Amino acid sequence: MSDDFDHGLREGMRLALAILAAEEAKWAALLGESRSWRTNATREVRHKTLQVAQQRVQTALNRLLPKGEALQNPELASALEKAGL
C-alpha cells in the first residue's frame, strides 16, 4: 500500500510540474507586451514566481524518489524534459 501511495504522490508532483510549466509559458509569452510598465513588472514577478515554484516542486519530487530512479525512469525523464527542467 505504501508503494502505491508513493507512486501516486510522485504522479501528483509530476502533474504539478506540468501545470506550472504551462502557466510559466503563458506568462513568458506576455512579458514586455504591455505599454504599461506596471503591468510588465507584474508579469515579470508572476513569471519569476512560477519559475521558483517549479524548482521547489522539482526539489520535493527529487526527495521523494528513491536514489538513482530519476536517471533510470524514462517516464520521469520525459516529464521533466517537457517541463524544461
N, C-alpha and C. Protein backbone atom coordinates (compact mmCIF):
# COMPACT_ATOMS: atom_id res chain seq x y z
N MET A 1 0.82 -1.19 0.00
CA MET A 1 0.00 0.00 0.00
C MET A 1 0.87 1.26 0.00
N SER A 2 1.95 1.24 0.72
CA SER A 2 2.82 2.40 0.79
C SER A 2 3.44 2.70 -0.57
N ASP A 3 3.78 1.65 -1.32
CA ASP A 3 4.36 1.85 -2.64
C ASP A 3 3.37 2.53 -3.58
N ASP A 4 2.10 2.13 -3.51
CA ASP A 4 1.07 2.78 -4.33
C ASP A 4 0.88 4.24 -3.93
N PHE A 5 0.93 4.49 -2.63
CA PHE A 5 0.79 5.86 -2.14
C PHE A 5 1.95 6.72 -2.65
N ASP A 6 3.17 6.20 -2.54
CA ASP A 6 4.34 6.94 -3.01
C ASP A 6 4.26 7.21 -4.50
N HIS A 7 3.81 6.21 -5.26
CA HIS A 7 3.68 6.38 -6.71
C HIS A 7 2.65 7.48 -7.02
N GLY A 8 1.53 7.46 -6.31
CA GLY A 8 0.51 8.49 -6.50
C GLY A 8 1.01 9.88 -6.14
N LEU A 9 1.80 9.94 -5.09
CA LEU A 9 2.37 11.22 -4.67
C LEU A 9 3.32 11.76 -5.73
N ARG A 10 4.16 10.89 -6.28
CA ARG A 10 5.07 11.31 -7.34
C ARG A 10 4.31 11.74 -8.59
N GLU A 11 3.24 11.03 -8.92
CA GLU A 11 2.41 11.41 -10.08
C GLU A 11 1.79 12.79 -9.86
N GLY A 12 1.36 13.05 -8.65
CA GLY A 12 0.81 14.37 -8.33
C GLY A 12 1.84 15.47 -8.50
N MET A 13 3.06 15.18 -8.09
CA MET A 13 4.15 16.15 -8.25
C MET A 13 4.44 16.39 -9.73
N ARG A 14 4.41 15.33 -10.51
CA ARG A 14 4.65 15.48 -11.96
C ARG A 14 3.53 16.31 -12.60
N LEU A 15 2.31 16.09 -12.17
CA LEU A 15 1.20 16.89 -12.67
C LEU A 15 1.36 18.35 -12.29
N ALA A 16 1.79 18.60 -11.06
CA ALA A 16 2.02 19.97 -10.63
C ALA A 16 3.11 20.63 -11.48
N LEU A 17 4.16 19.89 -11.80
CA LEU A 17 5.21 20.43 -12.67
C LEU A 17 4.67 20.79 -14.05
N ALA A 18 3.83 19.93 -14.59
CA ALA A 18 3.26 20.19 -15.91
C ALA A 18 2.37 21.44 -15.90
N ILE A 19 1.59 21.58 -14.85
CA ILE A 19 0.71 22.75 -14.73
C ILE A 19 1.54 24.02 -14.60
N LEU A 20 2.56 23.98 -13.75
CA LEU A 20 3.42 25.15 -13.59
C LEU A 20 4.15 25.50 -14.88
N ALA A 21 4.57 24.50 -15.62
CA ALA A 21 5.25 24.76 -16.90
C ALA A 21 4.31 25.44 -17.89
N ALA A 22 3.07 25.00 -17.92
CA ALA A 22 2.09 25.63 -18.82
C ALA A 22 1.82 27.07 -18.42
N GLU A 23 1.68 27.31 -17.14
CA GLU A 23 1.44 28.69 -16.67
C GLU A 23 2.66 29.57 -16.94
N GLU A 24 3.84 29.03 -16.73
CA GLU A 24 5.05 29.81 -16.98
C GLU A 24 5.15 30.18 -18.46
N ALA A 25 4.82 29.24 -19.33
CA ALA A 25 4.86 29.53 -20.76
C ALA A 25 3.87 30.63 -21.13
N LYS A 26 2.71 30.61 -20.49
CA LYS A 26 1.70 31.64 -20.76
C LYS A 26 2.24 33.02 -20.38
N TRP A 27 2.84 33.11 -19.19
CA TRP A 27 3.34 34.41 -18.74
C TRP A 27 4.60 34.82 -19.49
N ALA A 28 5.41 33.86 -19.91
CA ALA A 28 6.62 34.20 -20.66
C ALA A 28 6.25 34.86 -21.98
N ALA A 29 5.17 34.39 -22.59
CA ALA A 29 4.73 34.98 -23.86
C ALA A 29 4.23 36.41 -23.68
N LEU A 30 3.78 36.76 -22.49
CA LEU A 30 3.22 38.09 -22.25
C LEU A 30 4.25 39.10 -21.74
N LEU A 31 5.46 38.65 -21.44
CA LEU A 31 6.47 39.56 -20.88
C LEU A 31 6.79 40.68 -21.86
N GLY A 32 6.72 41.92 -21.38
CA GLY A 32 7.08 43.07 -22.18
C GLY A 32 6.08 43.46 -23.25
N GLU A 33 4.91 42.83 -23.30
CA GLU A 33 3.93 43.10 -24.35
C GLU A 33 3.06 44.33 -24.08
N SER A 34 2.94 44.70 -22.84
CA SER A 34 2.07 45.82 -22.49
C SER A 34 2.81 47.15 -22.60
N ARG A 35 2.06 48.20 -22.84
CA ARG A 35 2.65 49.54 -22.86
C ARG A 35 2.85 50.07 -21.45
N SER A 36 2.16 49.45 -20.49
CA SER A 36 2.26 49.90 -19.11
C SER A 36 3.43 49.22 -18.39
N TRP A 37 4.29 50.02 -17.79
CA TRP A 37 5.44 49.45 -17.08
C TRP A 37 4.97 48.65 -15.87
N ARG A 38 3.88 49.09 -15.26
CA ARG A 38 3.38 48.39 -14.07
C ARG A 38 2.86 46.99 -14.43
N THR A 39 2.16 46.90 -15.53
CA THR A 39 1.67 45.59 -15.98
C THR A 39 2.85 44.69 -16.33
N ASN A 40 3.85 45.23 -17.02
CA ASN A 40 5.02 44.43 -17.38
C ASN A 40 5.77 43.97 -16.13
N ALA A 41 5.88 44.83 -15.13
CA ALA A 41 6.56 44.45 -13.89
C ALA A 41 5.79 43.35 -13.17
N THR A 42 4.46 43.45 -13.15
CA THR A 42 3.64 42.41 -12.52
C THR A 42 3.80 41.08 -13.24
N ARG A 43 3.84 41.13 -14.56
CA ARG A 43 4.02 39.90 -15.34
C ARG A 43 5.39 39.27 -15.08
N GLU A 44 6.41 40.09 -14.95
CA GLU A 44 7.74 39.57 -14.65
C GLU A 44 7.77 38.89 -13.28
N VAL A 45 7.10 39.50 -12.32
CA VAL A 45 7.05 38.91 -10.97
C VAL A 45 6.30 37.58 -11.01
N ARG A 46 5.18 37.53 -11.71
CA ARG A 46 4.43 36.27 -11.82
C ARG A 46 5.26 35.19 -12.50
N HIS A 47 5.95 35.57 -13.55
CA HIS A 47 6.79 34.62 -14.28
C HIS A 47 7.89 34.07 -13.37
N LYS A 48 8.55 34.94 -12.63
CA LYS A 48 9.62 34.51 -11.73
C LYS A 48 9.06 33.63 -10.60
N THR A 49 7.88 33.98 -10.12
CA THR A 49 7.24 33.18 -9.07
C THR A 49 6.96 31.77 -9.55
N LEU A 50 6.50 31.64 -10.78
CA LEU A 50 6.24 30.32 -11.35
C LEU A 50 7.53 29.53 -11.54
N GLN A 51 8.61 30.20 -11.92
CA GLN A 51 9.89 29.52 -12.05
C GLN A 51 10.37 28.99 -10.70
N VAL A 52 10.23 29.80 -9.67
CA VAL A 52 10.63 29.38 -8.32
C VAL A 52 9.76 28.22 -7.85
N ALA A 53 8.46 28.30 -8.11
CA ALA A 53 7.55 27.21 -7.71
C ALA A 53 7.93 25.91 -8.42
N GLN A 54 8.26 25.99 -9.70
CA GLN A 54 8.69 24.80 -10.43
C GLN A 54 9.92 24.18 -9.78
N GLN A 55 10.87 25.01 -9.43
CA GLN A 55 12.10 24.50 -8.83
C GLN A 55 11.81 23.85 -7.47
N ARG A 56 10.91 24.43 -6.71
CA ARG A 56 10.57 23.86 -5.40
C ARG A 56 9.85 22.53 -5.54
N VAL A 57 8.95 22.43 -6.50
CA VAL A 57 8.25 21.16 -6.73
C VAL A 57 9.25 20.12 -7.22
N GLN A 58 10.17 20.52 -8.09
CA GLN A 58 11.20 19.61 -8.58
C GLN A 58 12.05 19.09 -7.43
N THR A 59 12.42 19.96 -6.51
CA THR A 59 13.21 19.56 -5.35
C THR A 59 12.44 18.57 -4.49
N ALA A 60 11.17 18.86 -4.27
CA ALA A 60 10.33 17.95 -3.46
C ALA A 60 10.20 16.60 -4.15
N LEU A 61 10.03 16.60 -5.47
CA LEU A 61 9.93 15.35 -6.21
C LEU A 61 11.22 14.55 -6.12
N ASN A 62 12.34 15.22 -6.23
CA ASN A 62 13.63 14.53 -6.12
C ASN A 62 13.81 13.89 -4.75
N ARG A 63 13.30 14.53 -3.72
CA ARG A 63 13.41 13.97 -2.38
C ARG A 63 12.52 12.74 -2.20
N LEU A 64 11.45 12.65 -2.97
CA LEU A 64 10.54 11.51 -2.87
C LEU A 64 11.02 10.30 -3.66
N LEU A 65 11.88 10.53 -4.64
CA LEU A 65 12.34 9.43 -5.48
C LEU A 65 13.43 8.63 -4.78
N PRO A 66 13.38 7.32 -4.97
CA PRO A 66 14.50 6.51 -4.48
C PRO A 66 15.77 6.91 -5.21
N LYS A 67 16.90 6.73 -4.56
CA LYS A 67 18.18 7.13 -5.16
C LYS A 67 18.37 6.50 -6.53
N GLY A 68 18.72 7.33 -7.51
CA GLY A 68 19.01 6.85 -8.85
C GLY A 68 17.80 6.64 -9.74
N GLU A 69 16.58 6.75 -9.21
CA GLU A 69 15.39 6.49 -10.03
C GLU A 69 15.19 7.58 -11.08
N ALA A 70 15.56 8.80 -10.77
CA ALA A 70 15.36 9.90 -11.71
C ALA A 70 16.10 9.65 -13.01
N LEU A 71 17.26 9.04 -12.93
CA LEU A 71 18.04 8.78 -14.13
C LEU A 71 17.57 7.53 -14.85
N GLN A 72 16.96 6.59 -14.13
CA GLN A 72 16.57 5.32 -14.72
C GLN A 72 15.13 5.30 -15.23
N ASN A 73 14.29 6.18 -14.74
CA ASN A 73 12.88 6.17 -15.09
C ASN A 73 12.65 7.00 -16.35
N PRO A 74 12.38 6.37 -17.50
CA PRO A 74 12.20 7.14 -18.75
C PRO A 74 10.95 8.02 -18.72
N GLU A 75 9.90 7.58 -18.01
CA GLU A 75 8.69 8.39 -17.92
C GLU A 75 8.98 9.69 -17.18
N LEU A 76 9.72 9.61 -16.10
CA LEU A 76 10.07 10.80 -15.34
C LEU A 76 10.98 11.70 -16.17
N ALA A 77 11.93 11.12 -16.86
CA ALA A 77 12.85 11.91 -17.67
C ALA A 77 12.09 12.68 -18.76
N SER A 78 11.10 12.05 -19.38
CA SER A 78 10.33 12.74 -20.42
C SER A 78 9.45 13.84 -19.82
N ALA A 79 8.89 13.59 -18.65
CA ALA A 79 8.06 14.61 -17.99
C ALA A 79 8.91 15.82 -17.61
N LEU A 80 10.11 15.58 -17.12
CA LEU A 80 10.99 16.68 -16.75
C LEU A 80 11.46 17.44 -17.98
N GLU A 81 11.69 16.74 -19.08
CA GLU A 81 12.10 17.40 -20.30
C GLU A 81 10.99 18.27 -20.86
N LYS A 82 9.75 17.77 -20.77
CA LYS A 82 8.60 18.57 -21.23
C LYS A 82 8.49 19.85 -20.41
N ALA A 83 8.75 19.73 -19.11
CA ALA A 83 8.66 20.90 -18.23
C ALA A 83 9.85 21.82 -18.38
N GLY A 84 10.88 21.36 -19.08
CA GLY A 84 12.04 22.19 -19.30
C GLY A 84 13.00 22.20 -18.13
N LEU A 85 12.96 21.16 -17.32
CA LEU A 85 13.85 21.09 -16.15
C LEU A 85 14.94 20.07 -16.34
